[in-house]
Amino acid sequence: MSSLIMRLGMAGSLVVFTGCSIPAGNTEPELIPVSWRLPVWNALAETQPVQSRGGISISVAPGSYTTDRRSKVQRTEYRPFLAGEDTRYFHVTEQPYVVVKPSTLQFEVVITNSLDRVFRGAGAVLSMSYNGQSVAVPQEGTAEFLNVTVIPRGRVELSITGPPLQALQDSGVVALFIYDVVTEVDDAGNPTKKDNFVWYYNLTYNVQREMFPMVRRNQAVKR
């Protein structure tokens, strides 16, 4: 910490200021409104969460979403009166906001294999649509399904990830398609039948709003 000494008057009185700066003082936090949107899913009447074809059952459920409160920090440098040369001074604002996690479409999937042979997801084709229009699905979003192996009488849980929620601004119908799933095999394990699976969900958003404190303070940093 640096000290600044000033001489006042003929008597040689001393006034001593101790510290890195002479700040204006931090203000009381200001409550500001913060809003965010949480996805709400409702399966359409024709959609069965668990679907079985041959010896394979696949259940799909939309993922759950949580929120994370964060702050965006903005620093503005200033030069106070009688500032020390070895210190930089900042006005700091901490602006609150809320992040919805995950930030993408998310489906939790359970595959149950009733076949006498190992089930493999390789070869299936996954697709999604939004209000009847095909939407891009990231390669990593389908990797778990396409790489999965399920032993006979076994069960595996995995996730399928779709596009960012920001790409789906309005309410609408989301469809998940899984094509060419092997559902029957012969004694040698060769596929003898493939089937398609599809799920439809109505996607809406629940807008939530709360008052959070926005903090303003001063900061001194040694050079």
Protein backbone atom coordinates (compact mmCIF):
# COMPACT_ATOMS: atom_id res chain seq x y z
CA MET A 1 0.00 0.00 0.00
CA SER A 2 1.32 3.46 -0.85
CA SER A 3 1.05 6.53 1.41
CA LEU A 4 0.71 10.17 0.40
CA ILE A 5 1.93 12.89 2.84
CA MET A 6 0.89 16.55 2.53
CA ARG A 7 2.28 19.49 4.56
CA LEU A 8 -0.29 22.11 5.54
CA GLY A 9 0.37 25.55 7.07
CA MET A 10 3.40 27.09 8.73
CA ALA A 11 3.22 24.80 11.74
CA GLY A 12 4.20 21.91 9.56
CA SER A 13 1.13 19.83 10.32
CA LEU A 14 0.91 16.53 8.52
CA VAL A 15 -2.12 14.92 6.85
CA VAL A 16 -1.52 11.30 5.89
CA PHE A 17 -3.64 9.41 3.31
CA THR A 18 -3.01 5.68 3.36
CA GLY A 19 -4.11 3.25 0.62
CA CYS A 20 -3.99 2.64 -3.10
CA SER A 21 -6.64 5.17 -4.05
CA ILE A 22 -9.14 7.68 -2.79
CA PRO A 23 -12.31 6.08 -4.20
CA ALA A 24 -15.72 7.64 -4.41
CA GLY A 25 -17.08 4.69 -2.42
CA ASN A 26 -19.05 1.64 -3.50
CA THR A 27 -22.75 2.08 -4.13
CA GLU A 28 -25.52 -0.09 -2.75
CA PRO A 29 -26.51 -2.93 -5.12
CA GLU A 30 -29.32 -1.98 -7.48
CA LEU A 31 -32.06 -4.55 -8.08
CA ILE A 32 -32.71 -5.06 -11.78
CA PRO A 33 -35.07 -7.46 -13.63
CA VAL A 34 -33.50 -10.54 -15.22
CA SER A 35 -35.49 -12.89 -17.43
CA TRP A 36 -34.83 -16.24 -19.10
CA ARG A 37 -36.76 -18.95 -20.97
CA LEU A 38 -37.09 -22.57 -19.89
CA PRO A 39 -38.17 -25.16 -22.49
CA VAL A 40 -41.45 -26.97 -21.81
CA TRP A 41 -42.11 -30.27 -23.61
CA ASN A 42 -45.40 -32.04 -24.25
CA ALA A 43 -45.60 -35.23 -26.29
CA LEU A 44 -48.21 -35.17 -29.05
CA ALA A 45 -51.10 -37.61 -28.76
CA GLU A 46 -49.70 -39.97 -31.39
CA THR A 47 -46.33 -40.26 -29.66
CA GLN A 48 -45.56 -43.18 -27.37
CA PRO A 49 -42.53 -42.56 -25.11
CA VAL A 50 -41.58 -46.27 -25.29
CA GLN A 51 -41.70 -47.86 -28.74
CA SER A 52 -40.99 -51.52 -29.55
CA ARG A 53 -40.20 -53.05 -32.91
CA GLY A 54 -39.22 -56.70 -33.12
CA GLY A 55 -36.70 -57.35 -30.36
CA ILE A 56 -35.73 -53.72 -29.76
CA SER A 57 -37.42 -51.19 -27.48
CA ILE A 58 -36.42 -47.51 -27.46
CA SER A 59 -37.73 -44.98 -24.96
CA VAL A 60 -37.18 -41.25 -25.41
CA ALA A 61 -37.76 -38.40 -22.99
CA PRO A 62 -36.80 -34.72 -23.40
CA GLY A 63 -33.88 -33.72 -21.21
CA SER A 64 -34.32 -31.64 -18.09
CA TYR A 65 -33.05 -28.07 -17.92
CA THR A 66 -31.50 -26.13 -15.07
CA THR A 67 -30.43 -22.53 -14.61
CA ASP A 68 -27.13 -21.02 -13.56
CA ARG A 69 -26.93 -17.44 -12.28
CA ARG A 70 -23.85 -15.58 -13.47
CA SER A 71 -22.47 -12.06 -13.68
CA LYS A 72 -20.97 -10.19 -16.59
CA VAL A 73 -18.15 -8.04 -15.28
CA GLN A 74 -17.34 -4.73 -16.98
CA ARG A 75 -14.32 -2.65 -15.92
CA THR A 76 -13.79 1.00 -16.82
CA GLU A 77 -10.44 2.51 -15.95
CA TYR A 78 -10.34 5.95 -14.33
CA ARG A 79 -7.79 8.25 -12.71
CA PRO A 80 -8.76 9.53 -9.25
CA PHE A 81 -7.42 12.71 -7.67
CA LEU A 82 -4.06 12.12 -5.96
CA ALA A 83 -3.76 8.65 -7.50
CA GLY A 84 -0.67 6.60 -6.92
CA GLU A 85 1.55 6.10 -9.97
CA ASP A 86 2.03 2.41 -9.22
CA THR A 87 -1.69 1.60 -9.20
CA ARG A 88 -4.50 1.35 -11.78
CA TYR A 89 -8.06 2.20 -10.80
CA PHE A 90 -11.32 0.79 -12.17
CA HIS A 91 -15.04 1.28 -11.85
CA VAL A 92 -16.44 -2.29 -11.84
CA THR A 93 -20.02 -3.27 -12.74
CA GLU A 94 -21.28 -6.81 -12.16
CA GLN A 95 -24.36 -7.34 -14.35
CA PRO A 96 -26.40 -10.44 -13.40
CA TYR A 97 -27.83 -12.83 -15.98
CA VAL A 98 -29.12 -16.40 -16.09
CA VAL A 99 -27.89 -19.24 -18.31
CA VAL A 100 -30.13 -22.20 -19.20
CA LYS A 101 -28.28 -25.52 -19.25
CA PRO A 102 -27.95 -27.41 -21.47
CA SER A 103 -28.12 -24.84 -24.25
CA THR A 104 -29.24 -27.41 -26.85
CA LEU A 105 -32.11 -29.78 -27.53
CA GLN A 106 -31.50 -32.83 -25.39
CA PHE A 107 -33.14 -36.26 -25.42
CA GLU A 108 -32.52 -39.04 -22.89
CA VAL A 109 -32.73 -42.44 -24.57
CA VAL A 110 -32.97 -45.99 -23.21
CA ILE A 111 -32.38 -48.96 -25.53
CA THR A 112 -33.51 -52.44 -24.43
CA ASN A 113 -32.30 -55.42 -26.45
CA SER A 114 -34.51 -58.53 -26.34
CA LEU A 115 -32.65 -60.18 -29.20
CA ASP A 116 -30.32 -63.14 -28.78
CA ARG A 117 -27.60 -61.16 -30.53
CA VAL A 118 -25.73 -57.96 -29.74
CA PHE A 119 -27.52 -54.80 -30.87
CA ARG A 120 -25.42 -52.12 -32.55
CA GLY A 121 -26.52 -48.58 -33.27
CA ALA A 122 -24.13 -48.31 -36.22
CA GLY A 123 -25.99 -47.98 -39.51
CA ALA A 124 -29.01 -46.18 -38.09
CA VAL A 125 -29.84 -42.70 -39.34
CA LEU A 126 -30.90 -39.95 -36.90
CA SER A 127 -32.72 -36.80 -37.94
CA MET A 128 -34.69 -33.95 -36.37
CA SER A 129 -37.23 -31.46 -37.66
CA TYR A 130 -38.77 -28.29 -36.30
CA ASN A 131 -42.21 -27.27 -37.55
CA GLY A 132 -41.77 -29.66 -40.45
CA GLN A 133 -38.38 -28.30 -41.50
CA SER A 134 -35.23 -30.38 -41.15
CA VAL A 135 -32.73 -28.96 -38.66
CA ALA A 136 -29.01 -29.63 -38.49
CA VAL A 137 -27.96 -32.17 -35.88
CA PRO A 138 -24.31 -31.98 -34.78
CA GLN A 139 -22.29 -35.12 -35.43
CA GLU A 140 -21.29 -35.36 -31.79
CA GLY A 141 -24.96 -35.20 -30.82
CA THR A 142 -25.67 -38.62 -32.36
CA ALA A 143 -22.32 -40.29 -31.65
CA GLU A 144 -23.48 -42.10 -28.51
CA PHE A 145 -26.35 -43.80 -30.32
CA LEU A 146 -24.36 -44.70 -33.43
CA ASN A 147 -21.51 -46.17 -31.37
CA VAL A 148 -23.62 -48.05 -28.84
CA THR A 149 -23.59 -51.83 -28.38
CA VAL A 150 -26.21 -53.54 -26.22
CA ILE A 151 -25.68 -57.14 -25.15
CA PRO A 152 -28.58 -59.64 -25.41
CA ARG A 153 -31.21 -58.92 -22.73
CA GLY A 154 -29.25 -55.78 -21.94
CA ARG A 155 -30.20 -52.15 -21.46
CA VAL A 156 -28.24 -48.95 -22.15
CA GLU A 157 -28.96 -45.31 -21.40
CA LEU A 158 -27.56 -42.53 -23.59
CA SER A 159 -28.22 -38.99 -24.82
CA ILE A 160 -29.00 -37.46 -28.20
CA THR A 161 -28.21 -33.77 -28.61
CA GLY A 162 -29.80 -31.48 -31.17
CA PRO A 163 -29.34 -27.88 -32.32
CA PRO A 164 -28.99 -24.89 -29.97
CA LEU A 165 -32.19 -23.66 -28.34
CA GLN A 166 -31.39 -20.20 -29.71
CA ALA A 167 -32.05 -21.61 -33.19
CA LEU A 168 -35.61 -22.45 -32.10
CA GLN A 169 -36.86 -19.07 -30.97
CA ASP A 170 -40.59 -19.69 -31.32
CA SER A 171 -42.86 -22.43 -30.06
CA GLY A 172 -43.33 -25.37 -32.42
CA VAL A 173 -43.29 -29.11 -32.99
CA VAL A 174 -39.98 -30.95 -32.65
CA ALA A 175 -39.66 -34.41 -34.21
CA LEU A 176 -36.95 -36.97 -33.57
CA PHE A 177 -36.52 -39.68 -36.22
CA ILE A 178 -34.39 -42.82 -35.92
CA TYR A 179 -34.34 -44.75 -39.20
CA ASP A 180 -33.06 -48.21 -40.17
CA VAL A 181 -32.77 -49.67 -36.69
CA VAL A 182 -32.04 -53.41 -36.80
CA THR A 183 -34.90 -55.11 -34.96
CA GLU A 184 -34.59 -58.74 -36.13
CA VAL A 185 -31.63 -60.98 -37.01
CA ASP A 186 -31.16 -64.55 -38.23
CA ASP A 187 -29.30 -67.31 -36.40
CA ALA A 188 -26.01 -66.05 -37.79
CA GLY A 189 -26.67 -62.54 -36.50
CA ASN A 190 -27.37 -61.02 -39.92
CA PRO A 191 -30.05 -58.30 -39.98
CA THR A 192 -33.35 -59.54 -41.42
CA LYS A 193 -35.51 -56.53 -40.57
CA LYS A 194 -35.04 -52.82 -39.95
CA ASP A 195 -37.61 -50.42 -38.52
CA ASN A 196 -38.12 -46.71 -38.03
CA PHE A 197 -38.93 -44.89 -34.79
CA VAL A 198 -40.35 -41.37 -34.42
CA TRP A 199 -41.33 -39.06 -31.55
CA TYR A 200 -43.19 -35.72 -31.75
CA TYR A 201 -43.13 -33.05 -29.06
CA ASN A 202 -44.70 -29.64 -28.74
CA LEU A 203 -42.02 -27.21 -27.57
CA THR A 204 -43.01 -24.01 -25.75
CA TYR A 205 -41.09 -21.68 -23.46
CA ASN A 206 -41.85 -20.63 -19.91
CA VAL A 207 -40.50 -17.11 -19.41
CA GLN A 208 -39.31 -16.53 -15.86
CA ARG A 209 -38.29 -13.23 -14.31
CA GLU A 210 -36.61 -12.28 -11.04
CA MET A 211 -34.95 -9.24 -9.49
CA PHE A 212 -31.21 -9.64 -8.93
CA PRO A 213 -28.66 -7.19 -7.53
CA MET A 214 -26.36 -5.37 -9.92
CA VAL A 215 -23.16 -4.45 -8.07
CA ARG A 216 -21.04 -1.37 -8.69
CA ARG A 217 -17.71 -1.01 -6.92
CA ASN A 218 -14.21 0.45 -7.23
CA GLN A 219 -11.08 -1.61 -7.65
CA ALA A 220 -7.39 -0.75 -7.26
CA VAL A 221 -4.78 -2.98 -8.92
CA LYS A 222 -1.03 -2.72 -8.42
CA ARG A 223 0.91 -2.35 -11.63
